Amino acid sequence: MRSMLFLPADSEKKIAKGEDTNADGLILDIEDSVALTRKDEARRLARAYLDARPLGSRKKKLLVRINPLDGTMTLDDLAAVVGGAPDYVLLPKYRTREDVVRLDHYLSALEVREGVPRGHIRILVIGTETGQGMLNLAGLTGASPRLAYVSWGEFDLSADVGAETHLLPDGGWDDLFRTARALCLAAAASAGIEPCNTVFTDYKDDAGLEQAALGARRAGFTCMMAIHPNQVDTINRVFSVSEKELDWARRVVEAFESNPDTGVVGLDGIMLDKPHYTQAKRLIARAAAY
């Protein structure tokens, strides 16, 4: 996935806004965007949406953001939606490795009960919404074969540590939040999963969104979440592999595979070594997936 669009799950009208977008994934949100009194309705509508799009018929990946494992609503969320076979469950407010292990166990039991193919539902973790989670990101490595993505977030982290703002006067992130972003990338690399950039909240600022997406891709993120349908096309464009990039990657791979006994090759006057070969193969695989 390049883009994942958040949709509050407590309203059919809100959910429907994602249907006609080019988002690769739709996040049916039962957590922050849904009031406590609307949780049951959100579960019901999320399940109805999933049931109307059974496996094998979906044009988009369908994700459900559940409530955190530190509360009492998680099992209610999972019991309601697992039978609809979401492609991913999004776990917010990660604390420790045990959160992922526990969620894996819940999913395994419910998949058996509901007749969902065992292991179908993957996990996306938002890993930096608390100081505890941020310090325990290394625990993601090997935590579950279901684990596929890790993302980060600054707003809940701000609240957790008591920061007045996550930004410096010049508009850049303060130290803690730059560190959270960097640790998300390192955790993804360690766990062998995809790093997903956080949302850009000003949905009317197209130029700002593009700069945020470009900066995230340069840093190593492979996808990004959206909070508004109008953000999806920009995100898809930024995180897609261009024909020029793909052509270069193919030439790099060809140069190395034509000279298997050398660690360094020259191409267009540039010396390349094995990391360039690894990156080129990764780029080709990503383009094929898109």
C-alpha atoms as a PDB file:
ATOM      1  CA  MET A   1       0.000   0.000   0.000  1.00  0.00           C
ATOM      2  CA  ARG A   2       1.075   3.553  -0.741  1.00  0.00           C
ATOM      3  CA  SER A   3      -1.899   5.303   0.848  1.00  0.00           C
ATOM      4  CA  MET A   4      -4.242   4.424   3.711  1.00  0.00           C
ATOM      5  CA  LEU A   5      -7.274   6.646   4.273  1.00  0.00           C
ATOM      6  CA  PHE A   6      -8.861   7.019   7.716  1.00  0.00           C
ATOM      7  CA  LEU A   7     -12.683   6.793   7.740  1.00  0.00           C
ATOM      8  CA  PRO A   8     -14.706   7.159  10.974  1.00  0.00           C
ATOM      9  CA  ALA A   9     -16.676   3.930  11.125  1.00  0.00           C
ATOM     10  CA  ASP A  10     -19.735   5.239  12.958  1.00  0.00           C
ATOM     11  CA  SER A  11     -21.446   6.660   9.859  1.00  0.00           C
ATOM     12  CA  GLU A  12     -22.239   5.068   6.507  1.00  0.00           C
ATOM     13  CA  LYS A  13     -21.909   8.493   4.909  1.00  0.00           C
ATOM     14  CA  LYS A  14     -18.404   8.930   6.313  1.00  0.00           C
ATOM     15  CA  ILE A  15     -17.324   5.451   5.256  1.00  0.00           C
ATOM     16  CA  ALA A  16     -18.697   5.945   1.754  1.00  0.00           C
ATOM     17  CA  LYS A  17     -16.305   8.843   1.171  1.00  0.00           C
ATOM     18  CA  GLY A  18     -13.444   6.413   0.737  1.00  0.00           C
ATOM     19  CA  GLU A  19     -15.082   4.204  -1.844  1.00  0.00           C
ATOM     20  CA  ASP A  20     -14.429   6.414  -4.866  1.00  0.00           C
ATOM     21  CA  THR A  21     -10.897   7.425  -3.931  1.00  0.00           C
ATOM     22  CA  ASN A  22      -7.704   5.855  -5.244  1.00  0.00           C
ATOM     23  CA  ALA A  23      -6.578   4.892  -1.742  1.00  0.00           C
ATOM     24  CA  ASP A  24      -4.819   1.539  -1.641  1.00  0.00           C
ATOM     25  CA  GLY A  25      -6.228   0.917   1.837  1.00  0.00           C
ATOM     26  CA  LEU A  26      -9.257   2.135   3.784  1.00  0.00           C
ATOM     27  CA  ILE A  27      -8.999   2.335   7.584  1.00  0.00           C
ATOM     28  CA  LEU A  28     -12.372   1.824   9.252  1.00  0.00           C
ATOM     29  CA  ASP A  29     -11.702   3.649  12.500  1.00  0.00           C
ATOM     30  CA  ILE A  30     -13.331   2.518  15.736  1.00  0.00           C
ATOM     31  CA  GLU A  31     -10.856   4.405  17.941  1.00  0.00           C
ATOM     32  CA  ASP A  32     -10.137   8.128  18.192  1.00  0.00           C
ATOM     33  CA  SER A  33     -12.586   9.470  15.611  1.00  0.00           C
ATOM     34  CA  VAL A  34     -15.558   7.706  17.250  1.00  0.00           C
ATOM     35  CA  ALA A  35     -17.221   8.936  20.455  1.00  0.00           C
ATOM     36  CA  LEU A  36     -17.596   6.456  23.300  1.00  0.00           C
ATOM     37  CA  THR A  37     -21.367   6.399  22.856  1.00  0.00           C
ATOM     38  CA  ARG A  38     -20.940   5.497  19.158  1.00  0.00           C
ATOM     39  CA  LYS A  39     -18.565   2.535  19.496  1.00  0.00           C
ATOM     40  CA  ASP A  40     -21.249  -0.136  19.052  1.00  0.00           C
ATOM     41  CA  GLU A  41     -22.569   1.570  15.942  1.00  0.00           C
ATOM     42  CA  ALA A  42     -19.039   1.843  14.553  1.00  0.00           C
ATOM     43  CA  ARG A  43     -18.475  -1.871  15.104  1.00  0.00           C
ATOM     44  CA  ARG A  44     -21.768  -2.730  13.423  1.00  0.00           C
ATOM     45  CA  LEU A  45     -21.131  -0.568  10.378  1.00  0.00           C
ATOM     46  CA  ALA A  46     -17.509  -1.694  10.033  1.00  0.00           C
ATOM     47  CA  ARG A  47     -18.640  -5.323  10.015  1.00  0.00           C
ATOM     48  CA  ALA A  48     -21.396  -4.583   7.499  1.00  0.00           C
ATOM     49  CA  TYR A  49     -18.878  -2.900   5.208  1.00  0.00           C
ATOM     50  CA  LEU A  50     -16.538  -5.870   5.421  1.00  0.00           C
ATOM     51  CA  ASP A  51     -19.322  -8.396   4.861  1.00  0.00           C
ATOM     52  CA  ALA A  52     -20.422  -6.534   1.732  1.00  0.00           C
ATOM     53  CA  ARG A  53     -16.895  -6.954   0.338  1.00  0.00           C
ATOM     54  CA  PRO A  54     -15.889 -10.584   0.909  1.00  0.00           C
ATOM     55  CA  LEU A  55     -12.412 -11.896   0.270  1.00  0.00           C
ATOM     56  CA  GLY A  56     -11.656 -12.194  -3.410  1.00  0.00           C
ATOM     57  CA  SER A  57     -13.885  -9.284  -4.402  1.00  0.00           C
ATOM     58  CA  ARG A  58     -12.041  -6.353  -2.837  1.00  0.00           C
ATOM     59  CA  LYS A  59     -10.488  -3.597  -4.891  1.00  0.00           C
ATOM     60  CA  LYS A  60      -8.801  -2.069  -1.838  1.00  0.00           C
ATOM     61  CA  LYS A  61      -7.214  -3.397   1.311  1.00  0.00           C
ATOM     62  CA  LEU A  62      -9.569  -3.011   4.269  1.00  0.00           C
ATOM     63  CA  LEU A  63      -8.161  -2.156   7.676  1.00  0.00           C
ATOM     64  CA  VAL A  64      -9.841  -1.681  11.054  1.00  0.00           C
ATOM     65  CA  ARG A  65      -8.327   0.495  13.772  1.00  0.00           C
ATOM     66  CA  ILE A  66      -9.339  -1.037  17.080  1.00  0.00           C
ATOM     67  CA  ASN A  67      -9.147   0.526  20.523  1.00  0.00           C
ATOM     68  CA  PRO A  68      -5.917   0.149  22.546  1.00  0.00           C
ATOM     69  CA  LEU A  69      -5.129  -3.048  24.391  1.00  0.00           C
ATOM     70  CA  ASP A  70      -4.838  -1.180  27.686  1.00  0.00           C
ATOM     71  CA  GLY A  71      -8.627  -0.714  27.810  1.00  0.00           C
ATOM     72  CA  THR A  72     -11.700  -2.921  27.934  1.00  0.00           C
ATOM     73  CA  MET A  73     -12.993  -2.433  24.386  1.00  0.00           C
ATOM     74  CA  THR A  74     -10.442  -4.409  22.375  1.00  0.00           C
ATOM     75  CA  LEU A  75     -12.161  -7.788  22.531  1.00  0.00           C
ATOM     76  CA  ASP A  76     -15.513  -6.196  21.692  1.00  0.00           C
ATOM     77  CA  ASP A  77     -13.912  -4.613  18.625  1.00  0.00           C
ATOM     78  CA  LEU A  78     -12.272  -7.830  17.479  1.00  0.00           C
ATOM     79  CA  ALA A  79     -15.286 -10.031  18.174  1.00  0.00           C
ATOM     80  CA  ALA A  80     -17.353  -7.696  16.002  1.00  0.00           C
ATOM     81  CA  VAL A  81     -15.057  -7.387  12.975  1.00  0.00           C
ATOM     82  CA  VAL A  82     -12.845 -10.485  12.635  1.00  0.00           C
ATOM     83  CA  GLY A  83     -15.652 -12.473  11.007  1.00  0.00           C
ATOM     84  CA  GLY A  84     -15.634  -9.907   8.197  1.00  0.00           C
ATOM     85  CA  ALA A  85     -11.989 -10.846   7.487  1.00  0.00           C
ATOM     86  CA  PRO A  86     -10.341  -7.406   7.474  1.00  0.00           C
ATOM     87  CA  ASP A  87      -7.002  -7.497   5.712  1.00  0.00           C
ATOM     88  CA  TYR A  88      -5.327  -5.644   8.572  1.00  0.00           C
ATOM     89  CA  VAL A  89      -5.994  -4.680  12.162  1.00  0.00           C
ATOM     90  CA  LEU A  90      -4.412  -1.401  13.162  1.00  0.00           C
ATOM     91  CA  LEU A  91      -3.178  -1.436  16.770  1.00  0.00           C
ATOM     92  CA  PRO A  92      -2.863   2.038  18.331  1.00  0.00           C
ATOM     93  CA  LYS A  93      -0.876   3.069  21.385  1.00  0.00           C
ATOM     94  CA  TYR A  94       1.576   0.173  21.294  1.00  0.00           C
ATOM     95  CA  ARG A  95       3.318  -0.303  24.640  1.00  0.00           C
ATOM     96  CA  THR A  96       5.451  -3.452  24.550  1.00  0.00           C
ATOM     97  CA  ARG A  97       6.115  -6.552  22.461  1.00  0.00           C
ATOM     98  CA  GLU A  98       3.487  -8.375  24.506  1.00  0.00           C
ATOM     99  CA  ASP A  99       0.780  -6.208  22.922  1.00  0.00           C
ATOM    100  CA  VAL A 100       1.548  -7.667  19.488  1.00  0.00           C
ATOM    101  CA  VAL A 101       1.863 -11.220  20.822  1.00  0.00           C
ATOM    102  CA  ARG A 102      -1.465 -10.890  22.632  1.00  0.00           C
ATOM    103  CA  LEU A 103      -3.210  -9.431  19.584  1.00  0.00           C
ATOM    104  CA  ASP A 104      -1.829 -12.274  17.459  1.00  0.00           C
ATOM    105  CA  HIS A 105      -3.340 -14.794  19.878  1.00  0.00           C
ATOM    106  CA  TYR A 106      -6.705 -13.046  19.865  1.00  0.00           C
ATOM    107  CA  LEU A 107      -6.761 -12.988  16.073  1.00  0.00           C
ATOM    108  CA  SER A 108      -5.794 -16.656  15.792  1.00  0.00           C
ATOM    109  CA  ALA A 109      -8.591 -17.745  18.119  1.00  0.00           C
ATOM    110  CA  LEU A 110     -11.205 -15.558  16.446  1.00  0.00           C
ATOM    111  CA  GLU A 111     -10.165 -16.580  12.926  1.00  0.00           C
ATOM    112  CA  VAL A 112     -10.788 -20.216  13.875  1.00  0.00           C
ATOM    113  CA  ARG A 113     -14.138 -19.365  15.445  1.00  0.00           C
ATOM    114  CA  GLU A 114     -15.285 -17.264  12.493  1.00  0.00           C
ATOM    115  CA  GLY A 115     -13.966 -19.486   9.700  1.00  0.00           C
ATOM    116  CA  VAL A 116     -11.480 -16.880   8.461  1.00  0.00           C
ATOM    117  CA  PRO A 117      -8.320 -18.334   6.863  1.00  0.00           C
ATOM    118  CA  ARG A 118      -5.738 -18.707   9.617  1.00  0.00           C
ATOM    119  CA  GLY A 119      -3.178 -15.913   9.492  1.00  0.00           C
ATOM    120  CA  HIS A 120      -5.107 -13.832   6.928  1.00  0.00           C
ATOM    121  CA  ILE A 121      -5.393 -10.762   9.142  1.00  0.00           C
ATOM    122  CA  ARG A 122      -2.150  -8.798   9.329  1.00  0.00           C
ATOM    123  CA  ILE A 123      -1.145  -6.195  11.920  1.00  0.00           C
ATOM    124  CA  LEU A 124      -0.176  -2.539  11.580  1.00  0.00           C
ATOM    125  CA  VAL A 125       1.210  -0.992  14.756  1.00  0.00           C
ATOM    126  CA  ILE A 126       1.365   2.691  15.625  1.00  0.00           C
ATOM    127  CA  GLY A 127       4.465   2.502  17.744  1.00  0.00           C
ATOM    128  CA  THR A 128       5.259   5.952  19.132  1.00  0.00           C
ATOM    129  CA  GLU A 129       2.033   7.280  20.616  1.00  0.00           C
ATOM    130  CA  THR A 130       3.415   6.791  24.128  1.00  0.00           C
ATOM    131  CA  GLY A 131       6.853   7.182  25.627  1.00  0.00           C
ATOM    132  CA  GLN A 132       6.672   3.544  26.723  1.00  0.00           C
ATOM    133  CA  GLY A 133       5.941   2.360  23.207  1.00  0.00           C
ATOM    134  CA  MET A 134       8.676   4.510  21.730  1.00  0.00           C
ATOM    135  CA  LEU A 135      11.248   2.983  24.083  1.00  0.00           C
ATOM    136  CA  ASN A 136      10.035  -0.544  23.294  1.00  0.00           C
ATOM    137  CA  LEU A 137      10.006  -0.435  19.490  1.00  0.00           C
ATOM    138  CA  ALA A 138      12.819  -2.993  19.336  1.00  0.00           C
ATOM    139  CA  GLY A 139      10.304  -5.509  20.675  1.00  0.00           C
ATOM    140  CA  LEU A 140       8.549  -5.568  17.319  1.00  0.00           C
ATOM    141  CA  THR A 141      11.331  -7.688  15.826  1.00  0.00           C
ATOM    142  CA  GLY A 142      10.066 -11.251  15.660  1.00  0.00           C
ATOM    143  CA  ALA A 143       6.920 -10.472  17.662  1.00  0.00           C
ATOM    144  CA  SER A 144       4.461 -11.961  15.155  1.00  0.00           C
ATOM    145  CA  PRO A 145       4.435 -13.204  11.558  1.00  0.00           C
ATOM    146  CA  ARG A 146       1.286 -11.110  11.131  1.00  0.00           C
ATOM    147  CA  LEU A 147       3.175  -7.862  11.688  1.00  0.00           C
ATOM    148  CA  ALA A 148       3.423  -5.979   8.375  1.00  0.00           C
ATOM    149  CA  TYR A 149       3.640  -2.215   9.052  1.00  0.00           C
ATOM    150  CA  VAL A 150       4.722   0.174  11.767  1.00  0.00           C
ATOM    151  CA  SER A 151       3.788   3.836  11.872  1.00  0.00           C
ATOM    152  CA  TRP A 152       4.421   6.713  14.233  1.00  0.00           C
ATOM    153  CA  GLY A 153       2.421   9.622  15.609  1.00  0.00           C
ATOM    154  CA  GLU A 154       3.223  12.893  17.296  1.00  0.00           C
ATOM    155  CA  PHE A 155      -0.061  14.089  18.787  1.00  0.00           C
ATOM    156  CA  ASP A 156      -0.714  11.302  21.287  1.00  0.00           C
ATOM    157  CA  LEU A 157       2.988  11.327  22.142  1.00  0.00           C
ATOM    158  CA  SER A 158       2.749  15.057  22.883  1.00  0.00           C
ATOM    159  CA  ALA A 159      -0.111  14.402  25.269  1.00  0.00           C
ATOM    160  CA  ASP A 160       1.681  11.465  26.899  1.00  0.00           C
ATOM    161  CA  VAL A 161       4.830  13.421  27.730  1.00  0.00           C
ATOM    162  CA  GLY A 162       3.026  16.687  28.513  1.00  0.00           C
ATOM    163  CA  ALA A 163       4.498  18.719  25.648  1.00  0.00           C
ATOM    164  CA  GLU A 164       2.739  21.984  24.825  1.00  0.00           C
ATOM    165  CA  THR A 165       3.512  21.374  21.155  1.00  0.00           C
ATOM    166  CA  HIS A 166       5.506  18.953  19.055  1.00  0.00           C
ATOM    167  CA  LEU A 167       6.879  21.751  16.869  1.00  0.00           C
ATOM    168  CA  LEU A 168       9.725  24.229  17.155  1.00  0.00           C
ATOM    169  CA  PRO A 169       9.139  27.939  16.419  1.00  0.00           C
ATOM    170  CA  ASP A 170      10.466  27.420  12.875  1.00  0.00           C
ATOM    171  CA  GLY A 171       7.846  24.717  12.216  1.00  0.00           C
ATOM    172  CA  GLY A 172      10.185  21.737  12.486  1.00  0.00           C
ATOM    173  CA  TRP A 173       9.695  18.846  14.892  1.00  0.00           C
ATOM    174  CA  ASP A 174      11.206  19.100  18.335  1.00  0.00           C
ATOM    175  CA  ASP A 175      13.882  16.560  19.294  1.00  0.00           C
ATOM    176  CA  LEU A 176      11.612  13.896  20.801  1.00  0.00           C
ATOM    177  CA  PHE A 177       9.412  13.755  17.720  1.00  0.00           C
ATOM    178  CA  ARG A 178      12.293  13.622  15.248  1.00  0.00           C
ATOM    179  CA  THR A 179      13.606  10.752  17.329  1.00  0.00           C
ATOM    180  CA  ALA A 180      10.227   8.980  17.222  1.00  0.00           C
ATOM    181  CA  ARG A 181      10.187   9.244  13.427  1.00  0.00           C
ATOM    182  CA  ALA A 182      13.732   7.913  13.166  1.00  0.00           C
ATOM    183  CA  LEU A 183      13.050   5.040  15.565  1.00  0.00           C
ATOM    184  CA  CYS A 184      10.005   4.049  13.511  1.00  0.00           C
ATOM    185  CA  LEU A 185      12.249   3.623  10.465  1.00  0.00           C
ATOM    186  CA  ALA A 186      14.844   1.684  12.446  1.00  0.00           C
ATOM    187  CA  ALA A 187      12.170  -0.570  13.975  1.00  0.00           C
ATOM    188  CA  ALA A 188      10.739  -1.330  10.535  1.00  0.00           C
ATOM    189  CA  ALA A 189      14.151  -2.260   9.181  1.00  0.00           C
ATOM    190  CA  SER A 190      14.879  -4.444  12.212  1.00  0.00           C
ATOM    191  CA  ALA A 191      11.540  -6.250  12.009  1.00  0.00           C
ATOM    192  CA  GLY A 192      11.592  -6.560   8.214  1.00  0.00           C
ATOM    193  CA  ILE A 193       8.303  -4.706   7.823  1.00  0.00           C
ATOM    194  CA  GLU A 194       7.104  -1.541   6.052  1.00  0.00           C
ATOM    195  CA  PRO A 195       7.460   1.920   7.652  1.00  0.00           C
ATOM    196  CA  CYS A 196       4.323   4.033   7.219  1.00  0.00           C
ATOM    197  CA  ASN A 197       4.441   7.810   7.639  1.00  0.00           C
ATOM    198  CA  THR A 198       1.990   9.571   9.911  1.00  0.00           C
ATOM    199  CA  VAL A 199      -0.842  11.822   8.755  1.00  0.00           C
ATOM    200  CA  PHE A 200      -0.511  15.410   7.554  1.00  0.00           C
ATOM    201  CA  THR A 201      -3.349  17.148   9.356  1.00  0.00           C
ATOM    202  CA  ASP A 202      -3.829  20.311   7.278  1.00  0.00           C
ATOM    203  CA  TYR A 203      -5.935  18.771   4.519  1.00  0.00           C
ATOM    204  CA  LYS A 204      -6.240  22.101   2.686  1.00  0.00           C
ATOM    205  CA  ASP A 205      -2.468  22.565   2.369  1.00  0.00           C
ATOM    206  CA  ASP A 206      -1.620  20.619  -0.786  1.00  0.00           C
ATOM    207  CA  ALA A 207       1.923  21.971  -1.028  1.00  0.00           C
ATOM    208  CA  GLY A 208       2.619  21.133   2.608  1.00  0.00           C
ATOM    209  CA  LEU A 209       1.308  17.608   2.124  1.00  0.00           C
ATOM    210  CA  GLU A 210       3.524  17.059  -0.895  1.00  0.00           C
ATOM    211  CA  GLN A 211       6.604  18.285   0.969  1.00  0.00           C
ATOM    212  CA  ALA A 212       5.782  16.058   3.938  1.00  0.00           C
ATOM    213  CA  ALA A 213       5.305  13.035   1.680  1.00  0.00           C
ATOM    214  CA  LEU A 214       8.486  13.723  -0.290  1.00  0.00           C
ATOM    215  CA  GLY A 215      10.465  14.121   2.926  1.00  0.00           C
ATOM    216  CA  ALA A 216       9.056  10.872   4.269  1.00  0.00           C
ATOM    217  CA  ARG A 217       9.937   8.961   1.107  1.00  0.00           C
ATOM    218  CA  ARG A 218      13.471  10.366   1.083  1.00  0.00           C
ATOM    219  CA  ALA A 219      13.891   9.210   4.673  1.00  0.00           C
ATOM    220  CA  GLY A 220      12.797   5.653   3.843  1.00  0.00           C
ATOM    221  CA  PHE A 221       9.044   5.514   4.438  1.00  0.00           C
ATOM    222  CA  THR A 222       7.178   3.524   1.802  1.00  0.00           C
ATOM    223  CA  CYS A 223       3.624   4.727   2.423  1.00  0.00           C
ATOM    224  CA  MET A 224       1.566   7.320   4.281  1.00  0.00           C
ATOM    225  CA  MET A 225      -1.774   7.664   6.031  1.00  0.00           C
ATOM    226  CA  ALA A 226      -4.372  10.237   4.954  1.00  0.00           C
ATOM    227  CA  ILE A 227      -7.143  11.938   6.905  1.00  0.00           C
ATOM    228  CA  HIS A 228      -9.019  13.352   3.918  1.00  0.00           C
ATOM    229  CA  PRO A 229      -9.902  11.903   0.501  1.00  0.00           C
ATOM    230  CA  ASN A 230      -8.287  14.887  -1.241  1.00  0.00           C
ATOM    231  CA  GLN A 231      -4.881  13.827   0.108  1.00  0.00           C
ATOM    232  CA  VAL A 232      -4.860  10.374  -1.483  1.00  0.00           C
ATOM    233  CA  ASP A 233      -3.761  11.188  -5.029  1.00  0.00           C
ATOM    234  CA  THR A 234      -0.793  13.281  -3.878  1.00  0.00           C
ATOM    235  CA  ILE A 235       0.348  10.519  -1.548  1.00  0.00           C
ATOM    236  CA  ASN A 236       0.000   7.879  -4.257  1.00  0.00           C
ATOM    237  CA  ARG A 237       1.984   9.962  -6.716  1.00  0.00           C
ATOM    238  CA  VAL A 238       4.825  10.627  -4.294  1.00  0.00           C
ATOM    239  CA  PHE A 239       5.138   7.014  -3.152  1.00  0.00           C
ATOM    240  CA  SER A 240       4.820   5.484  -6.622  1.00  0.00           C
ATOM    241  CA  VAL A 241       7.923   4.413  -8.529  1.00  0.00           C
ATOM    242  CA  SER A 242       8.366   6.509 -11.667  1.00  0.00           C
ATOM    243  CA  GLU A 243       9.359   5.013 -15.011  1.00  0.00           C
ATOM    244  CA  LYS A 244      12.674   6.859 -14.776  1.00  0.00           C
ATOM    245  CA  GLU A 245      13.399   5.392 -11.338  1.00  0.00           C
ATOM    246  CA  LEU A 246      12.344   1.938 -12.470  1.00  0.00           C
ATOM    247  CA  ASP A 247      14.550   2.083 -15.560  1.00  0.00           C
ATOM    248  CA  TRP A 248      17.540   3.094 -13.444  1.00  0.00           C
ATOM    249  CA  ALA A 249      16.861   0.309 -10.934  1.00  0.00           C
ATOM    250  CA  ARG A 250      16.683  -2.290 -13.698  1.00  0.00           C
ATOM    251  CA  ARG A 251      19.969  -1.087 -15.146  1.00  0.00           C
ATOM    252  CA  VAL A 252      21.620  -1.264 -11.728  1.00  0.00           C
ATOM    253  CA  VAL A 253      20.403  -4.829 -11.217  1.00  0.00           C
ATOM    254  CA  GLU A 254      21.533  -5.817 -14.703  1.00  0.00           C
ATOM    255  CA  ALA A 255      24.972  -4.291 -14.107  1.00  0.00           C
ATOM    256  CA  PHE A 256      25.507  -6.297 -10.930  1.00  0.00           C
ATOM    257  CA  GLU A 257      24.027  -9.542 -12.178  1.00  0.00           C
ATOM    258  CA  SER A 258      26.171  -9.337 -15.301  1.00  0.00           C
ATOM    259  CA  ASN A 259      29.241  -9.096 -13.048  1.00  0.00           C
ATOM    260  CA  PRO A 260      28.501 -11.512 -10.176  1.00  0.00           C
ATOM    261  CA  ASP A 261      32.122 -11.716  -9.070  1.00  0.00           C
ATOM    262  CA  THR A 262      32.577  -8.029  -8.342  1.00  0.00           C
ATOM    263  CA  GLY A 263      31.361  -5.935  -5.435  1.00  0.00           C
ATOM    264  CA  VAL A 264      31.535  -2.609  -7.264  1.00  0.00           C
ATOM    265  CA  VAL A 265      30.328  -1.686 -10.744  1.00  0.00           C
ATOM    266  CA  GLY A 266      30.376   1.483 -12.778  1.00  0.00           C
ATOM    267  CA  LEU A 267      27.225   2.855 -14.427  1.00  0.00           C
ATOM    268  CA  ASP A 268      26.972   6.183 -16.264  1.00  0.00           C
ATOM    269  CA  GLY A 269      30.190   7.337 -14.631  1.00  0.00           C
ATOM    270  CA  ILE A 270      28.987   6.472 -11.102  1.00  0.00           C
ATOM    271  CA  MET A 271      30.536   3.799  -8.893  1.00  0.00           C
ATOM    272  CA  LEU A 272      27.935   1.578  -7.280  1.00  0.00           C
ATOM    273  CA  ASP A 273      28.291  -1.057  -4.577  1.00  0.00           C
ATOM    274  CA  LYS A 274      26.053  -3.721  -3.019  1.00  0.00           C
ATOM    275  CA  PRO A 275      23.711  -1.343  -1.105  1.00  0.00           C
ATOM    276  CA  HIS A 276      22.755   0.199  -4.463  1.00  0.00           C
ATOM    277  CA  TYR A 277      21.955  -3.289  -5.773  1.00  0.00           C
ATOM    278  CA  THR A 278      19.780  -4.018  -2.724  1.00  0.00           C
ATOM    279  CA  GLN A 279      17.929  -0.732  -3.095  1.00  0.00           C
ATOM    280  CA  ALA A 280      17.376  -1.300  -6.805  1.00  0.00           C
ATOM    281  CA  LYS A 281      15.869  -4.745  -6.244  1.00  0.00           C
ATOM    282  CA  ARG A 282      13.625  -3.319  -3.535  1.00  0.00           C
ATOM    283  CA  LEU A 283      12.424  -0.585  -5.872  1.00  0.00           C
ATOM    284  CA  ILE A 284      11.603  -3.078  -8.616  1.00  0.00           C
ATOM    285  CA  ALA A 285       9.653  -5.259  -6.188  1.00  0.00           C
ATOM    286  CA  ARG A 286       7.700  -2.271  -4.907  1.00  0.00           C
ATOM    287  CA  ALA A 287       6.832  -1.139  -8.429  1.00  0.00           C
ATOM    288  CA  ALA A 288       5.567  -4.632  -9.240  1.00  0.00           C
ATOM    289  CA  ALA A 289       3.405  -4.642  -6.096  1.00  0.00           C
ATOM    290  CA  TYR A 290       1.793  -1.333  -7.004  1.00  0.00           C
END
